[in-house]
N, C-alpha and C. Protein backbone atom coordinates (compact mmCIF):
# COMPACT_ATOMS: atom_id res chain seq x y z
N MET A 1 -28.23 26.42 15.73
CA MET A 1 -26.96 26.06 14.91
C MET A 1 -26.82 24.62 14.92
N ASP A 2 -26.10 24.11 13.87
CA ASP A 2 -26.00 22.75 13.60
C ASP A 2 -24.59 22.46 14.19
N ASN A 3 -24.53 21.45 15.09
CA ASN A 3 -23.20 21.19 15.79
C ASN A 3 -22.51 19.89 15.16
N ILE A 4 -23.00 19.47 14.04
CA ILE A 4 -22.50 18.35 13.42
C ILE A 4 -21.28 18.71 12.76
N GLN A 5 -20.10 17.97 13.17
CA GLN A 5 -18.89 18.32 12.50
C GLN A 5 -18.80 17.50 11.16
N LYS A 6 -18.43 18.37 10.09
CA LYS A 6 -18.29 17.81 8.82
C LYS A 6 -16.89 17.08 8.72
N PRO A 7 -16.89 15.94 7.92
CA PRO A 7 -15.60 15.35 7.78
C PRO A 7 -14.61 16.17 6.96
N VAL A 8 -13.37 15.96 7.15
CA VAL A 8 -12.32 16.70 6.40
C VAL A 8 -12.29 16.40 4.94
N PHE A 9 -12.49 14.99 4.62
CA PHE A 9 -12.50 14.51 3.28
C PHE A 9 -13.86 13.85 3.05
N ALA A 10 -14.36 14.08 1.85
CA ALA A 10 -15.55 13.28 1.42
C ALA A 10 -15.20 11.87 1.10
N ALA A 11 -16.16 11.00 1.32
CA ALA A 11 -15.93 9.50 1.09
C ALA A 11 -15.38 9.26 -0.36
N LYS A 12 -15.80 9.92 -1.22
CA LYS A 12 -15.30 9.65 -2.67
C LYS A 12 -13.88 10.00 -2.78
N THR A 13 -13.54 11.24 -2.14
CA THR A 13 -12.12 11.67 -2.18
C THR A 13 -11.14 10.64 -1.46
N VAL A 14 -11.66 10.08 -0.29
CA VAL A 14 -10.71 9.19 0.42
C VAL A 14 -10.51 7.85 -0.48
N LEU A 15 -11.59 7.48 -1.04
CA LEU A 15 -11.47 6.23 -1.94
C LEU A 15 -10.63 6.39 -3.14
N VAL A 16 -10.75 7.67 -3.73
CA VAL A 16 -9.95 7.91 -4.80
C VAL A 16 -8.54 8.01 -4.57
N LEU A 17 -8.28 8.65 -3.32
CA LEU A 17 -6.79 8.71 -2.77
C LEU A 17 -6.26 7.34 -2.55
N ILE A 18 -7.00 6.42 -2.04
CA ILE A 18 -6.61 5.04 -1.79
C ILE A 18 -6.29 4.32 -3.16
N VAL A 19 -7.04 4.61 -4.14
CA VAL A 19 -6.73 4.05 -5.42
C VAL A 19 -5.45 4.71 -5.98
N VAL A 20 -5.20 5.94 -5.90
CA VAL A 20 -4.02 6.63 -6.30
C VAL A 20 -2.77 6.13 -5.64
N PHE A 21 -2.77 5.92 -4.25
CA PHE A 21 -1.70 5.28 -3.56
C PHE A 21 -1.50 3.89 -3.94
N ALA A 22 -2.57 3.25 -4.13
CA ALA A 22 -2.40 1.73 -4.58
C ALA A 22 -1.72 1.72 -5.95
N VAL A 23 -2.11 2.55 -6.81
CA VAL A 23 -1.48 2.51 -8.26
C VAL A 23 0.02 2.95 -8.09
N LEU A 24 0.37 3.92 -7.37
CA LEU A 24 1.74 4.34 -7.05
C LEU A 24 2.58 3.15 -6.50
N GLY A 25 1.91 2.42 -5.45
CA GLY A 25 2.48 1.28 -4.92
C GLY A 25 2.74 0.12 -5.88
N ALA A 26 1.73 -0.05 -6.72
CA ALA A 26 1.85 -1.10 -7.75
C ALA A 26 2.99 -0.80 -8.87
N ILE A 27 3.10 0.47 -9.20
CA ILE A 27 4.19 0.89 -10.13
C ILE A 27 5.58 0.54 -9.35
N ASP A 28 5.75 1.08 -8.24
CA ASP A 28 6.89 0.80 -7.51
C ASP A 28 7.22 -0.70 -7.29
N ALA A 29 6.20 -1.45 -6.93
CA ALA A 29 6.45 -2.99 -6.70
C ALA A 29 6.78 -3.66 -8.13
N SER A 30 6.01 -3.22 -9.17
CA SER A 30 6.28 -3.77 -10.49
C SER A 30 7.70 -3.50 -10.91
N TYR A 31 8.21 -2.38 -10.70
CA TYR A 31 9.64 -2.01 -11.07
C TYR A 31 10.62 -2.96 -10.26
N LEU A 32 10.31 -3.02 -9.01
CA LEU A 32 11.13 -4.04 -8.14
C LEU A 32 11.06 -5.37 -8.75
N THR A 33 9.97 -5.83 -9.05
CA THR A 33 9.78 -7.12 -9.62
C THR A 33 10.54 -7.51 -10.85
N TYR A 34 10.29 -6.39 -11.78
CA TYR A 34 11.02 -6.49 -13.04
C TYR A 34 12.64 -6.55 -12.81
N MET A 35 13.04 -5.66 -11.99
CA MET A 35 14.51 -5.63 -11.78
C MET A 35 14.97 -7.04 -11.19
N SER A 36 14.14 -7.56 -10.28
CA SER A 36 14.55 -8.86 -9.57
C SER A 36 14.63 -9.94 -10.69
N TYR A 37 13.60 -10.05 -11.55
CA TYR A 37 13.59 -11.19 -12.52
C TYR A 37 14.61 -10.98 -13.61
N ARG A 38 14.98 -9.73 -13.85
CA ARG A 38 16.15 -9.45 -14.80
C ARG A 38 17.42 -9.55 -14.19
N GLU A 39 17.44 -9.57 -12.89
CA GLU A 39 18.64 -9.63 -11.98
C GLU A 39 19.51 -8.44 -12.28
N LEU A 40 18.96 -7.24 -12.39
CA LEU A 40 19.50 -5.88 -12.50
C LEU A 40 19.70 -5.25 -11.33
N PRO A 41 20.87 -4.52 -11.16
CA PRO A 41 21.09 -3.79 -9.99
C PRO A 41 20.16 -2.52 -9.86
N LEU A 42 19.64 -2.18 -8.68
CA LEU A 42 18.80 -1.18 -8.52
C LEU A 42 19.60 0.16 -8.32
N PRO A 43 19.18 1.26 -9.01
CA PRO A 43 19.86 2.48 -8.82
C PRO A 43 19.31 3.08 -7.47
N CYS A 44 20.18 3.35 -6.62
CA CYS A 44 19.91 4.10 -5.30
C CYS A 44 20.42 5.33 -5.24
N THR A 45 19.47 6.32 -4.91
CA THR A 45 19.84 7.75 -4.83
C THR A 45 19.90 8.20 -3.49
N ILE A 46 19.00 7.80 -2.64
CA ILE A 46 19.00 8.38 -1.18
C ILE A 46 19.58 7.29 -0.19
N PHE A 47 19.11 6.03 -0.30
CA PHE A 47 19.79 4.99 0.61
C PHE A 47 20.71 4.28 -0.31
N GLU A 48 21.84 3.71 0.26
CA GLU A 48 22.67 2.94 -0.63
C GLU A 48 22.56 1.45 -0.48
N GLY A 49 21.52 1.07 0.36
CA GLY A 49 21.30 -0.34 0.54
C GLY A 49 20.33 -1.07 -0.34
N CYS A 50 19.91 -0.49 -1.33
CA CYS A 50 18.83 -1.07 -2.24
C CYS A 50 19.22 -2.54 -2.62
N ASN A 51 20.43 -2.61 -3.16
CA ASN A 51 20.84 -4.01 -3.65
C ASN A 51 21.09 -4.94 -2.61
N GLU A 52 21.54 -4.47 -1.44
CA GLU A 52 21.78 -5.40 -0.36
C GLU A 52 20.39 -5.87 0.21
N VAL A 53 19.40 -5.03 0.16
CA VAL A 53 18.09 -5.39 0.75
C VAL A 53 17.42 -6.40 -0.40
N ALA A 54 17.58 -5.98 -1.72
CA ALA A 54 16.98 -6.85 -2.81
C ALA A 54 17.71 -8.17 -2.85
N GLY A 55 18.93 -8.31 -2.47
CA GLY A 55 19.67 -9.53 -2.59
C GLY A 55 19.71 -10.30 -1.33
N SER A 56 18.95 -9.88 -0.27
CA SER A 56 19.03 -10.64 0.98
C SER A 56 18.11 -11.75 0.79
N PRO A 57 18.30 -12.83 1.79
CA PRO A 57 17.39 -13.96 1.78
C PRO A 57 16.04 -13.47 2.07
N TYR A 58 15.74 -12.31 2.67
CA TYR A 58 14.42 -11.96 3.13
C TYR A 58 13.64 -11.45 1.89
N SER A 59 14.28 -11.29 0.73
CA SER A 59 13.65 -10.67 -0.36
C SER A 59 12.78 -11.54 -1.30
N LYS A 60 12.95 -12.87 -0.87
CA LYS A 60 12.08 -13.79 -1.68
C LYS A 60 11.40 -14.84 -0.87
N VAL A 61 10.24 -15.33 -1.22
CA VAL A 61 9.45 -16.42 -0.53
C VAL A 61 9.25 -17.55 -1.52
N PHE A 62 9.83 -18.60 -1.36
CA PHE A 62 9.78 -19.85 -2.15
C PHE A 62 10.23 -19.37 -3.64
N GLY A 63 11.35 -18.52 -3.59
CA GLY A 63 11.89 -18.12 -4.91
C GLY A 63 11.09 -17.00 -5.67
N VAL A 64 10.11 -16.56 -5.09
CA VAL A 64 9.23 -15.49 -5.62
C VAL A 64 9.53 -14.27 -4.96
N PRO A 65 9.95 -13.10 -5.75
CA PRO A 65 10.26 -11.80 -5.11
C PRO A 65 8.95 -11.31 -4.21
N LEU A 66 9.29 -10.80 -3.00
CA LEU A 66 8.30 -10.12 -2.22
C LEU A 66 7.56 -9.04 -2.94
N SER A 67 8.28 -8.37 -3.92
CA SER A 67 7.65 -7.33 -4.60
C SER A 67 6.53 -7.80 -5.49
N LEU A 68 6.61 -9.02 -5.95
CA LEU A 68 5.50 -9.48 -6.83
C LEU A 68 4.18 -9.62 -5.96
N PHE A 69 4.37 -10.14 -4.68
CA PHE A 69 3.29 -10.17 -3.84
C PHE A 69 2.72 -8.67 -3.57
N GLY A 70 3.63 -7.75 -3.52
CA GLY A 70 3.37 -6.35 -3.36
C GLY A 70 2.43 -5.83 -4.50
N VAL A 71 2.79 -6.29 -5.70
CA VAL A 71 2.08 -5.92 -6.97
C VAL A 71 0.59 -6.40 -6.80
N LEU A 72 0.44 -7.72 -6.44
CA LEU A 72 -0.83 -8.31 -6.23
C LEU A 72 -1.52 -7.58 -5.26
N PHE A 73 -1.01 -7.28 -4.09
CA PHE A 73 -1.65 -6.47 -3.02
C PHE A 73 -2.16 -5.22 -3.47
N TYR A 74 -1.35 -4.31 -4.16
CA TYR A 74 -1.76 -3.05 -4.53
C TYR A 74 -2.80 -3.11 -5.63
N VAL A 75 -2.58 -3.96 -6.59
CA VAL A 75 -3.70 -4.12 -7.54
C VAL A 75 -4.94 -4.55 -6.93
N LEU A 76 -5.03 -5.46 -6.02
CA LEU A 76 -6.25 -5.90 -5.28
C LEU A 76 -6.93 -4.65 -4.61
N VAL A 77 -6.04 -3.94 -3.83
CA VAL A 77 -6.64 -2.78 -3.14
C VAL A 77 -7.18 -1.79 -4.12
N ALA A 78 -6.46 -1.56 -5.27
CA ALA A 78 -7.08 -0.49 -6.16
C ALA A 78 -8.26 -0.91 -6.83
N ALA A 79 -8.31 -2.31 -7.13
CA ALA A 79 -9.46 -2.90 -7.76
C ALA A 79 -10.67 -2.82 -6.86
N VAL A 80 -10.60 -3.26 -5.62
CA VAL A 80 -11.68 -3.27 -4.66
C VAL A 80 -12.21 -1.86 -4.32
N SER A 81 -11.22 -0.89 -4.24
CA SER A 81 -11.57 0.45 -3.99
C SER A 81 -12.35 1.07 -5.20
N ALA A 82 -11.83 0.83 -6.28
CA ALA A 82 -12.45 1.34 -7.57
C ALA A 82 -13.73 0.67 -7.80
N ALA A 83 -13.80 -0.65 -7.52
CA ALA A 83 -15.15 -1.34 -7.73
C ALA A 83 -16.23 -0.69 -6.70
N TYR A 84 -15.83 -0.36 -5.51
CA TYR A 84 -16.75 0.23 -4.61
C TYR A 84 -17.24 1.54 -5.04
N LEU A 85 -16.31 2.31 -5.65
CA LEU A 85 -16.63 3.57 -6.15
C LEU A 85 -17.68 3.56 -7.30
N VAL A 86 -17.56 2.50 -8.02
CA VAL A 86 -18.47 2.24 -9.28
C VAL A 86 -19.77 1.55 -8.76
N LEU A 87 -19.60 0.38 -8.04
CA LEU A 87 -20.73 -0.37 -7.70
C LEU A 87 -21.56 0.02 -6.46
N ARG A 88 -20.73 0.63 -5.60
CA ARG A 88 -21.31 1.08 -4.23
C ARG A 88 -21.87 -0.07 -3.36
N ARG A 89 -21.07 -1.27 -3.44
CA ARG A 89 -21.53 -2.44 -2.69
C ARG A 89 -20.87 -2.40 -1.39
N GLU A 90 -21.62 -2.45 -0.22
CA GLU A 90 -20.97 -2.11 1.06
C GLU A 90 -19.97 -3.24 1.35
N PHE A 91 -20.12 -4.50 0.86
CA PHE A 91 -19.18 -5.54 1.20
C PHE A 91 -17.81 -5.24 0.66
N LEU A 92 -17.80 -4.51 -0.46
CA LEU A 92 -16.42 -4.07 -1.07
C LEU A 92 -15.80 -3.09 -0.15
N ARG A 93 -16.52 -2.18 0.33
CA ARG A 93 -15.99 -1.11 1.28
C ARG A 93 -15.32 -1.89 2.54
N GLY A 94 -16.15 -2.92 2.93
CA GLY A 94 -15.78 -3.66 4.17
C GLY A 94 -14.48 -4.45 3.90
N LEU A 95 -14.09 -4.71 2.71
CA LEU A 95 -12.81 -5.42 2.43
C LEU A 95 -11.59 -4.43 2.50
N ILE A 96 -11.79 -3.27 2.30
CA ILE A 96 -10.65 -2.25 2.23
C ILE A 96 -9.79 -2.22 3.41
N LEU A 97 -10.38 -2.09 4.52
CA LEU A 97 -9.64 -1.92 5.85
C LEU A 97 -8.88 -3.22 6.10
N PRO A 98 -9.52 -4.41 6.10
CA PRO A 98 -8.71 -5.56 6.32
C PRO A 98 -7.50 -5.77 5.43
N LEU A 99 -7.73 -5.41 4.14
CA LEU A 99 -6.69 -5.54 3.19
C LEU A 99 -5.56 -4.58 3.52
N ALA A 100 -5.91 -3.23 3.76
CA ALA A 100 -4.98 -2.24 4.15
C ALA A 100 -4.28 -2.58 5.40
N SER A 101 -4.88 -3.19 6.36
CA SER A 101 -4.41 -3.64 7.64
C SER A 101 -3.25 -4.64 7.39
N VAL A 102 -3.44 -5.67 6.55
CA VAL A 102 -2.42 -6.67 6.23
C VAL A 102 -1.25 -5.98 5.57
N GLY A 103 -1.53 -5.12 4.61
CA GLY A 103 -0.41 -4.44 3.92
C GLY A 103 0.41 -3.70 4.91
N PHE A 104 -0.29 -2.95 5.77
CA PHE A 104 0.45 -2.12 6.68
C PHE A 104 1.30 -2.87 7.63
N LEU A 105 0.74 -3.97 8.28
CA LEU A 105 1.45 -4.81 9.14
C LEU A 105 2.65 -5.44 8.47
N LEU A 106 2.38 -5.87 7.20
CA LEU A 106 3.68 -6.44 6.64
C LEU A 106 4.71 -5.46 6.29
N SER A 107 4.32 -4.17 5.93
CA SER A 107 5.35 -3.12 5.80
C SER A 107 6.06 -2.79 6.94
N VAL A 108 5.41 -2.85 8.07
CA VAL A 108 6.08 -2.72 9.50
C VAL A 108 7.13 -3.78 9.64
N TYR A 109 6.61 -4.99 9.30
CA TYR A 109 7.60 -6.14 9.43
C TYR A 109 8.89 -5.97 8.57
N PHE A 110 8.50 -5.62 7.31
CA PHE A 110 9.62 -5.44 6.25
C PHE A 110 10.55 -4.42 6.59
N THR A 111 10.04 -3.40 7.25
CA THR A 111 10.94 -2.26 7.64
C THR A 111 11.75 -2.57 8.79
N TYR A 112 11.26 -3.41 9.69
CA TYR A 112 11.99 -3.99 10.79
C TYR A 112 13.12 -4.89 10.32
N LEU A 113 12.77 -5.77 9.35
CA LEU A 113 13.84 -6.59 8.70
C LEU A 113 15.05 -5.71 8.08
N GLN A 114 14.66 -4.66 7.35
CA GLN A 114 15.63 -3.79 6.86
C GLN A 114 16.52 -3.18 7.90
N ALA A 115 15.93 -2.75 8.96
CA ALA A 115 16.58 -1.99 10.10
C ALA A 115 17.47 -2.93 10.92
N PHE A 116 16.89 -4.02 11.31
CA PHE A 116 17.55 -4.86 12.36
C PHE A 116 18.12 -6.20 11.83
N LYS A 117 17.67 -6.78 10.67
CA LYS A 117 18.23 -8.01 10.31
C LYS A 117 19.14 -7.84 9.08
N ILE A 118 18.84 -6.85 8.13
CA ILE A 118 19.64 -6.73 7.03
C ILE A 118 20.56 -5.62 7.24
N GLY A 119 20.30 -4.57 8.01
CA GLY A 119 21.11 -3.46 8.25
C GLY A 119 21.26 -2.60 7.15
N ALA A 120 20.28 -2.53 6.27
CA ALA A 120 20.23 -1.51 5.21
C ALA A 120 18.91 -1.22 4.75
N PHE A 121 18.76 -0.05 4.11
CA PHE A 121 17.43 0.46 3.64
C PHE A 121 17.40 0.50 2.11
N CYS A 122 16.24 0.31 1.62
CA CYS A 122 15.92 0.37 0.25
C CYS A 122 14.90 1.46 -0.01
N ILE A 123 15.15 2.51 -0.78
CA ILE A 123 14.34 3.55 -0.97
C ILE A 123 13.01 3.17 -1.63
N TYR A 124 13.04 2.19 -2.43
CA TYR A 124 11.86 1.69 -3.16
C TYR A 124 10.91 0.93 -2.14
N CYS A 125 11.55 0.16 -1.13
CA CYS A 125 10.84 -0.35 -0.06
C CYS A 125 10.16 0.53 0.83
N ILE A 126 10.94 1.53 1.10
CA ILE A 126 10.45 2.58 2.00
C ILE A 126 9.29 3.33 1.38
N PHE A 127 9.44 3.54 0.06
CA PHE A 127 8.25 4.14 -0.65
C PHE A 127 7.00 3.29 -0.62
N SER A 128 7.19 1.97 -0.82
CA SER A 128 6.21 1.04 -0.76
C SER A 128 5.45 1.09 0.70
N ALA A 129 6.37 1.11 1.79
CA ALA A 129 5.84 1.05 3.09
C ALA A 129 5.04 2.49 3.33
N ALA A 130 5.39 3.46 2.76
CA ALA A 130 4.71 4.81 2.78
C ALA A 130 3.30 4.64 2.20
N MET A 131 3.31 4.02 1.04
CA MET A 131 2.07 3.97 0.26
C MET A 131 1.12 3.02 1.09
N SER A 132 1.69 1.98 1.65
CA SER A 132 0.77 0.99 2.35
C SER A 132 0.19 1.73 3.67
N THR A 133 1.12 2.54 4.27
CA THR A 133 0.70 3.27 5.35
C THR A 133 -0.25 4.29 5.10
N LEU A 134 -0.23 5.03 4.03
CA LEU A 134 -1.27 5.99 3.55
C LEU A 134 -2.55 5.26 3.26
N ILE A 135 -2.58 4.19 2.57
CA ILE A 135 -3.62 3.33 2.26
C ILE A 135 -4.34 2.95 3.55
N PHE A 136 -3.70 2.50 4.51
CA PHE A 136 -4.18 2.09 5.86
C PHE A 136 -4.84 3.26 6.55
N VAL A 137 -4.14 4.42 6.63
CA VAL A 137 -4.77 5.54 7.27
C VAL A 137 -6.02 6.06 6.64
N PHE A 138 -6.06 6.02 5.31
CA PHE A 138 -7.25 6.44 4.60
C PHE A 138 -8.32 5.39 4.66
N ALA A 139 -7.98 4.14 4.64
CA ALA A 139 -8.96 3.08 4.72
C ALA A 139 -9.56 3.15 6.26
N PHE A 140 -8.79 3.40 7.12
CA PHE A 140 -9.24 3.54 8.50
C PHE A 140 -10.29 4.73 8.66
N TYR A 141 -9.84 5.85 7.93
CA TYR A 141 -10.70 7.05 7.97
C TYR A 141 -11.93 6.76 7.25
N ALA A 142 -11.94 6.07 6.13
CA ALA A 142 -13.18 5.69 5.38
C ALA A 142 -14.11 4.79 6.15
N LYS A 143 -13.58 4.07 7.17
CA LYS A 143 -14.50 3.17 7.89
C LYS A 143 -15.30 3.92 8.88
N LYS A 144 -15.00 5.17 9.23
CA LYS A 144 -15.76 6.00 10.15
C LYS A 144 -17.27 6.11 9.69
N PRO A 145 -18.11 5.91 10.64
CA PRO A 145 -19.52 5.93 10.30
C PRO A 145 -19.92 7.29 9.53
N GLU A 146 -19.43 8.40 9.97
CA GLU A 146 -19.84 9.65 9.43
C GLU A 146 -19.25 9.89 8.01
N ILE A 147 -18.20 9.03 7.71
CA ILE A 147 -17.73 9.13 6.23
C ILE A 147 -18.55 8.04 5.45
N ALA A 148 -18.77 6.86 5.97
CA ALA A 148 -19.39 5.79 5.36
C ALA A 148 -20.93 6.22 4.94
N GLU A 149 -21.50 6.99 5.85
CA GLU A 149 -23.00 7.30 5.54
C GLU A 149 -23.13 8.57 4.76
N GLN A 150 -22.05 9.15 4.19
CA GLN A 150 -22.21 10.26 3.44
C GLN A 150 -23.10 10.01 2.19
N PRO A 151 -24.04 10.78 1.82
CA PRO A 151 -24.98 10.64 0.62
C PRO A 151 -24.18 10.83 -0.68
N SER A 152 -22.94 11.42 -0.63
CA SER A 152 -22.24 11.78 -1.87
C SER A 152 -21.83 10.55 -2.70
N LEU A 153 -21.78 9.38 -1.92
CA LEU A 153 -21.49 8.17 -2.61
C LEU A 153 -22.84 7.43 -2.94
């Protein structure tokens, strides 16, 4: 009998999921960026603190909405992951986990700011934190040797 444990997800599936989560994060961050530049109030359905978070001094860096950096992050993660799926260059796969780690750590920090500095939560920010967390988890999973060495890619 073969005692080799098969991975739960195939490498290709993991990377496709990372692309999907990155696209969803980019859509969310793009919406926040649009609303910020248009100076429009955010509709809040679950948490009532969306506009308090969006209007806080923590929402911009040098006058640029944090959400714009989020768009850039998510587009970069999606592009690198998709490029790896197409080109199969190992250095591209090697970039995914460091990028995902930065996004995850920043999301933890931004969630901390909402909870302890601003005292309000934004559903769009929580969604973005969830997307960056999922990207991180799947990027970590994709880094496992038994996933990386799958012949399906």
